[in-house]
Amino acid sequence: MDLHRMAWLCTIICFAHVYSFPTNCILQKHLMKRSYTLLDTMGGLFPAQCLEDDVSVTFPQNVFDSNKTQQDGVEKAIYQTLQNIDALFENDGVPDKWNEEKLDGFLHTIYRQINDSKCILSKSEDGQDLDKDAALKVYFDTISANMKQKNFSYCAWEVVRKEVLRILDYILNHNTDNML
């Protein structure tokens, strides 16, 4: 009798464990919107005193464009974009003028999106997206180099915020097929 109960209990635990894993590997649109809103409201409008520091960075919107056969590549590009955004904000010296609570919420939401969608990397074939990877690398390296050149000044951070807002806005408006 005890053996029967133990077997039944093991079966229930096994099913509970298996069904608790996420079944979909998809980016969450509500988290992307939350990231955008928090970043947008944490610092207000782009400061007029920073107009001289605003650099022209070629935005690689083509990495987010796809047809039905390239959706995995676009999801991977969005995932890598989130990783690059997270890496930009790992630098010390974010502006004191930004709302700290909203900044923490933004960083937590970006981290959550990265953590929840790691499985996207396994959906894409290696070597398939080298052009997209290179375009994203150049884009984020340029932004990072600008921040370093400006010694992580307030205006350099505002340029980063403006660029990241542009990226998130583009993803939200052009990639709804890749998000739940």
C-alpha atoms as a PDB file:
ATOM      1  CA  MET A   1       0.000   0.000   0.000  1.00  0.00           C
ATOM      2  CA  ASP A   2       2.813   2.431   0.878  1.00  0.00           C
ATOM      3  CA  LEU A   3       4.599   1.592  -2.351  1.00  0.00           C
ATOM      4  CA  HIS A   4       1.424   2.363  -4.295  1.00  0.00           C
ATOM      5  CA  ARG A   5       1.050   5.759  -2.569  1.00  0.00           C
ATOM      6  CA  MET A   6       4.695   6.574  -3.173  1.00  0.00           C
ATOM      7  CA  ALA A   7       4.376   5.746  -6.879  1.00  0.00           C
ATOM      8  CA  TRP A   8       1.235   7.892  -7.131  1.00  0.00           C
ATOM      9  CA  LEU A   9       2.911  10.785  -5.321  1.00  0.00           C
ATOM     10  CA  CYS A  10       5.973  10.569  -7.588  1.00  0.00           C
ATOM     11  CA  THR A  11       3.715  10.631 -10.647  1.00  0.00           C
ATOM     12  CA  ILE A  12       1.903  13.747  -9.426  1.00  0.00           C
ATOM     13  CA  ILE A  13       5.176  15.512  -8.598  1.00  0.00           C
ATOM     14  CA  CYS A  14       6.594  14.597 -12.005  1.00  0.00           C
ATOM     15  CA  PHE A  15       3.561  15.988 -13.853  1.00  0.00           C
ATOM     16  CA  ALA A  16       3.552  19.141 -11.735  1.00  0.00           C
ATOM     17  CA  HIS A  17       7.223  19.662 -12.485  1.00  0.00           C
ATOM     18  CA  VAL A  18       6.841  19.109 -16.234  1.00  0.00           C
ATOM     19  CA  TYR A  19       3.764  21.317 -16.605  1.00  0.00           C
ATOM     20  CA  SER A  20       5.305  24.149 -14.594  1.00  0.00           C
ATOM     21  CA  PHE A  21       7.920  24.826 -17.293  1.00  0.00           C
ATOM     22  CA  PRO A  22       7.045  27.546 -19.795  1.00  0.00           C
ATOM     23  CA  THR A  23       5.779  26.055 -23.026  1.00  0.00           C
ATOM     24  CA  ASN A  24       6.228  29.076 -25.253  1.00  0.00           C
ATOM     25  CA  CYS A  25       9.495  30.730 -26.039  1.00  0.00           C
ATOM     26  CA  ILE A  26       8.295  34.186 -26.994  1.00  0.00           C
ATOM     27  CA  LEU A  27       9.037  37.753 -25.994  1.00  0.00           C
ATOM     28  CA  GLN A  28       6.396  39.472 -23.899  1.00  0.00           C
ATOM     29  CA  LYS A  29       4.991  42.659 -25.395  1.00  0.00           C
ATOM     30  CA  HIS A  30       3.732  43.987 -22.044  1.00  0.00           C
ATOM     31  CA  LEU A  31       7.278  43.844 -20.628  1.00  0.00           C
ATOM     32  CA  MET A  32       8.644  45.635 -23.689  1.00  0.00           C
ATOM     33  CA  LYS A  33       5.986  48.350 -23.268  1.00  0.00           C
ATOM     34  CA  ARG A  34       6.810  48.621 -19.559  1.00  0.00           C
ATOM     35  CA  SER A  35      10.514  49.018 -20.371  1.00  0.00           C
ATOM     36  CA  TYR A  36       9.720  51.770 -22.860  1.00  0.00           C
ATOM     37  CA  THR A  37       7.393  53.623 -20.464  1.00  0.00           C
ATOM     38  CA  LEU A  38       9.810  53.480 -17.528  1.00  0.00           C
ATOM     39  CA  LEU A  39      12.730  54.689 -19.641  1.00  0.00           C
ATOM     40  CA  ASP A  40      10.644  57.422 -21.229  1.00  0.00           C
ATOM     41  CA  THR A  41       9.346  58.803 -17.933  1.00  0.00           C
ATOM     42  CA  MET A  42      12.504  58.494 -15.845  1.00  0.00           C
ATOM     43  CA  GLY A  43      14.159  61.551 -17.307  1.00  0.00           C
ATOM     44  CA  GLY A  44      11.690  63.728 -19.159  1.00  0.00           C
ATOM     45  CA  LEU A  45      12.291  65.331 -22.551  1.00  0.00           C
ATOM     46  CA  PHE A  46      15.691  65.367 -24.217  1.00  0.00           C
ATOM     47  CA  PRO A  47      17.538  68.318 -22.598  1.00  0.00           C
ATOM     48  CA  ALA A  48      18.248  71.329 -24.816  1.00  0.00           C
ATOM     49  CA  GLN A  49      21.755  71.666 -23.337  1.00  0.00           C
ATOM     50  CA  CYS A  50      22.581  68.201 -24.731  1.00  0.00           C
ATOM     51  CA  LEU A  51      21.800  68.993 -28.368  1.00  0.00           C
ATOM     52  CA  GLU A  52      25.503  69.555 -29.112  1.00  0.00           C
ATOM     53  CA  ASP A  53      26.349  66.118 -27.703  1.00  0.00           C
ATOM     54  CA  ASP A  54      23.676  64.330 -29.706  1.00  0.00           C
ATOM     55  CA  VAL A  55      25.420  62.037 -32.171  1.00  0.00           C
ATOM     56  CA  SER A  56      24.026  60.572 -35.330  1.00  0.00           C
ATOM     57  CA  VAL A  57      24.113  56.800 -34.967  1.00  0.00           C
ATOM     58  CA  THR A  58      22.824  54.750 -37.861  1.00  0.00           C
ATOM     59  CA  PHE A  59      19.961  52.736 -36.444  1.00  0.00           C
ATOM     60  CA  PRO A  60      20.018  49.140 -37.791  1.00  0.00           C
ATOM     61  CA  GLN A  61      16.260  48.753 -38.227  1.00  0.00           C
ATOM     62  CA  ASN A  62      16.830  46.097 -40.905  1.00  0.00           C
ATOM     63  CA  VAL A  63      17.798  43.595 -38.182  1.00  0.00           C
ATOM     64  CA  PHE A  64      14.216  43.769 -36.916  1.00  0.00           C
ATOM     65  CA  ASP A  65      12.582  43.387 -40.328  1.00  0.00           C
ATOM     66  CA  SER A  66      11.534  39.921 -41.402  1.00  0.00           C
ATOM     67  CA  ASN A  67       9.247  37.700 -43.342  1.00  0.00           C
ATOM     68  CA  LYS A  68       7.653  34.572 -41.891  1.00  0.00           C
ATOM     69  CA  THR A  69      10.760  32.420 -42.437  1.00  0.00           C
ATOM     70  CA  GLN A  70      13.038  34.839 -40.569  1.00  0.00           C
ATOM     71  CA  GLN A  71      11.055  35.255 -37.331  1.00  0.00           C
ATOM     72  CA  ASP A  72      13.554  33.299 -35.253  1.00  0.00           C
ATOM     73  CA  GLY A  73      16.324  35.617 -36.447  1.00  0.00           C
ATOM     74  CA  VAL A  74      14.298  38.689 -35.484  1.00  0.00           C
ATOM     75  CA  GLU A  75      13.556  37.246 -32.049  1.00  0.00           C
ATOM     76  CA  LYS A  76      17.275  36.614 -31.612  1.00  0.00           C
ATOM     77  CA  ALA A  77      18.047  40.207 -32.696  1.00  0.00           C
ATOM     78  CA  ILE A  78      15.542  41.532 -30.134  1.00  0.00           C
ATOM     79  CA  TYR A  79      17.049  39.283 -27.456  1.00  0.00           C
ATOM     80  CA  GLN A  80      20.582  40.479 -28.299  1.00  0.00           C
ATOM     81  CA  THR A  81      19.349  44.062 -28.282  1.00  0.00           C
ATOM     82  CA  LEU A  82      18.024  43.583 -24.752  1.00  0.00           C
ATOM     83  CA  GLN A  83      21.390  42.126 -23.722  1.00  0.00           C
ATOM     84  CA  ASN A  84      23.198  45.121 -25.230  1.00  0.00           C
ATOM     85  CA  ILE A  85      20.857  47.558 -23.480  1.00  0.00           C
ATOM     86  CA  ASP A  86      21.547  45.772 -20.193  1.00  0.00           C
ATOM     87  CA  ALA A  87      25.305  46.015 -20.853  1.00  0.00           C
ATOM     88  CA  LEU A  88      25.079  49.766 -21.540  1.00  0.00           C
ATOM     89  CA  PHE A  89      23.392  50.363 -18.210  1.00  0.00           C
ATOM     90  CA  GLU A  90      25.968  48.315 -16.304  1.00  0.00           C
ATOM     91  CA  ASN A  91      28.286  51.310 -16.552  1.00  0.00           C
ATOM     92  CA  ASP A  92      28.581  53.421 -13.442  1.00  0.00           C
ATOM     93  CA  GLY A  93      27.442  56.969 -13.249  1.00  0.00           C
ATOM     94  CA  VAL A  94      23.849  57.041 -14.444  1.00  0.00           C
ATOM     95  CA  PRO A  95      22.479  60.558 -13.989  1.00  0.00           C
ATOM     96  CA  ASP A  96      21.212  61.615 -10.569  1.00  0.00           C
ATOM     97  CA  LYS A  97      18.519  63.606 -12.384  1.00  0.00           C
ATOM     98  CA  TRP A  98      16.797  60.389 -13.463  1.00  0.00           C
ATOM     99  CA  ASN A  99      14.075  58.933 -11.258  1.00  0.00           C
ATOM    100  CA  GLU A 100      15.896  56.162  -9.393  1.00  0.00           C
ATOM    101  CA  GLU A 101      12.781  54.072  -8.789  1.00  0.00           C
ATOM    102  CA  LYS A 102      11.889  54.094 -12.496  1.00  0.00           C
ATOM    103  CA  LEU A 103      15.500  53.349 -13.451  1.00  0.00           C
ATOM    104  CA  ASP A 104      15.522  50.328 -11.126  1.00  0.00           C
ATOM    105  CA  GLY A 105      12.190  49.193 -12.566  1.00  0.00           C
ATOM    106  CA  PHE A 106      13.524  49.580 -16.104  1.00  0.00           C
ATOM    107  CA  LEU A 107      16.681  47.600 -15.352  1.00  0.00           C
ATOM    108  CA  HIS A 108      14.704  44.883 -13.590  1.00  0.00           C
ATOM    109  CA  THR A 109      12.268  44.618 -16.519  1.00  0.00           C
ATOM    110  CA  ILE A 110      15.115  44.375 -19.056  1.00  0.00           C
ATOM    111  CA  TYR A 111      16.781  41.687 -16.928  1.00  0.00           C
ATOM    112  CA  ARG A 112      13.506  39.786 -16.633  1.00  0.00           C
ATOM    113  CA  GLN A 113      12.980  39.867 -20.400  1.00  0.00           C
ATOM    114  CA  ILE A 114      16.498  38.538 -20.964  1.00  0.00           C
ATOM    115  CA  ASN A 115      16.110  35.830 -18.341  1.00  0.00           C
ATOM    116  CA  ASP A 116      12.636  34.752 -19.484  1.00  0.00           C
ATOM    117  CA  SER A 117      13.605  34.496 -23.156  1.00  0.00           C
ATOM    118  CA  LYS A 118      17.007  32.778 -23.089  1.00  0.00           C
ATOM    119  CA  CYS A 119      15.445  29.902 -25.009  1.00  0.00           C
ATOM    120  CA  ILE A 120      15.290  32.123 -28.110  1.00  0.00           C
ATOM    121  CA  LEU A 121      18.971  31.507 -28.735  1.00  0.00           C
ATOM    122  CA  SER A 122      18.341  27.794 -29.221  1.00  0.00           C
ATOM    123  CA  LYS A 123      15.614  28.477 -31.820  1.00  0.00           C
ATOM    124  CA  SER A 124      17.983  30.213 -34.217  1.00  0.00           C
ATOM    125  CA  GLU A 125      20.595  28.345 -36.211  1.00  0.00           C
ATOM    126  CA  ASP A 126      24.224  29.320 -35.646  1.00  0.00           C
ATOM    127  CA  GLY A 127      25.700  31.443 -38.405  1.00  0.00           C
ATOM    128  CA  GLN A 128      22.305  32.275 -39.882  1.00  0.00           C
ATOM    129  CA  ASP A 129      22.231  35.851 -38.604  1.00  0.00           C
ATOM    130  CA  LEU A 130      25.827  37.057 -38.939  1.00  0.00           C
ATOM    131  CA  ASP A 131      24.816  40.285 -40.721  1.00  0.00           C
ATOM    132  CA  LYS A 132      22.274  41.113 -38.013  1.00  0.00           C
ATOM    133  CA  ASP A 133      24.764  40.315 -35.265  1.00  0.00           C
ATOM    134  CA  ALA A 134      27.402  42.541 -36.887  1.00  0.00           C
ATOM    135  CA  ALA A 135      24.973  45.437 -37.374  1.00  0.00           C
ATOM    136  CA  LEU A 136      23.885  45.307 -33.733  1.00  0.00           C
ATOM    137  CA  LYS A 137      27.501  45.108 -32.563  1.00  0.00           C
ATOM    138  CA  VAL A 138      28.513  48.187 -34.588  1.00  0.00           C
ATOM    139  CA  TYR A 139      25.464  50.118 -33.369  1.00  0.00           C
ATOM    140  CA  PHE A 140      25.972  49.405 -29.678  1.00  0.00           C
ATOM    141  CA  ASP A 141      29.762  49.782 -29.893  1.00  0.00           C
ATOM    142  CA  THR A 142      29.229  53.268 -31.363  1.00  0.00           C
ATOM    143  CA  ILE A 143      26.873  54.227 -28.548  1.00  0.00           C
ATOM    144  CA  SER A 144      29.253  52.829 -25.937  1.00  0.00           C
ATOM    145  CA  ALA A 145      32.256  54.601 -27.488  1.00  0.00           C
ATOM    146  CA  ASN A 146      30.337  57.884 -27.430  1.00  0.00           C
ATOM    147  CA  MET A 147      29.576  57.428 -23.735  1.00  0.00           C
ATOM    148  CA  LYS A 148      33.250  56.760 -22.981  1.00  0.00           C
ATOM    149  CA  GLN A 149      34.377  59.707 -25.102  1.00  0.00           C
ATOM    150  CA  LYS A 150      31.987  61.971 -23.175  1.00  0.00           C
ATOM    151  CA  ASN A 151      33.175  60.482 -19.848  1.00  0.00           C
ATOM    152  CA  PHE A 152      29.715  59.105 -19.049  1.00  0.00           C
ATOM    153  CA  SER A 153      28.355  62.636 -18.715  1.00  0.00           C
ATOM    154  CA  TYR A 154      24.711  63.475 -18.170  1.00  0.00           C
ATOM    155  CA  CYS A 155      24.312  64.367 -21.845  1.00  0.00           C
ATOM    156  CA  ALA A 156      25.996  61.137 -22.971  1.00  0.00           C
ATOM    157  CA  TRP A 157      23.483  59.198 -20.879  1.00  0.00           C
ATOM    158  CA  GLU A 158      20.618  61.218 -22.350  1.00  0.00           C
ATOM    159  CA  VAL A 159      21.815  60.245 -25.842  1.00  0.00           C
ATOM    160  CA  VAL A 160      21.814  56.608 -24.718  1.00  0.00           C
ATOM    161  CA  ARG A 161      18.307  56.986 -23.333  1.00  0.00           C
ATOM    162  CA  LYS A 162      17.118  58.597 -26.584  1.00  0.00           C
ATOM    163  CA  GLU A 163      18.646  55.806 -28.685  1.00  0.00           C
ATOM    164  CA  VAL A 164      17.257  53.016 -26.500  1.00  0.00           C
ATOM    165  CA  LEU A 165      13.815  54.621 -26.631  1.00  0.00           C
ATOM    166  CA  ARG A 166      14.069  54.688 -30.411  1.00  0.00           C
ATOM    167  CA  ILE A 167      14.990  50.990 -30.474  1.00  0.00           C
ATOM    168  CA  LEU A 168      12.199  49.933 -28.120  1.00  0.00           C
ATOM    169  CA  ASP A 169       9.684  52.045 -30.025  1.00  0.00           C
ATOM    170  CA  TYR A 170      10.687  50.444 -33.314  1.00  0.00           C
ATOM    171  CA  ILE A 171      10.483  46.945 -31.859  1.00  0.00           C
ATOM    172  CA  LEU A 172       7.043  47.634 -30.383  1.00  0.00           C
ATOM    173  CA  ASN A 173       5.672  49.122 -33.593  1.00  0.00           C
ATOM    174  CA  HIS A 174       7.153  46.705 -36.113  1.00  0.00           C
ATOM    175  CA  ASN A 175       7.527  43.326 -34.401  1.00  0.00           C
ATOM    176  CA  THR A 176       4.259  42.447 -32.771  1.00  0.00           C
ATOM    177  CA  ASP A 177       4.287  39.061 -34.542  1.00  0.00           C
ATOM    178  CA  ASN A 178       7.361  38.139 -32.487  1.00  0.00           C
ATOM    179  CA  MET A 179       5.783  38.960 -29.120  1.00  0.00           C
ATOM    180  CA  LEU A 180       2.984  37.634 -26.999  1.00  0.00           C
END
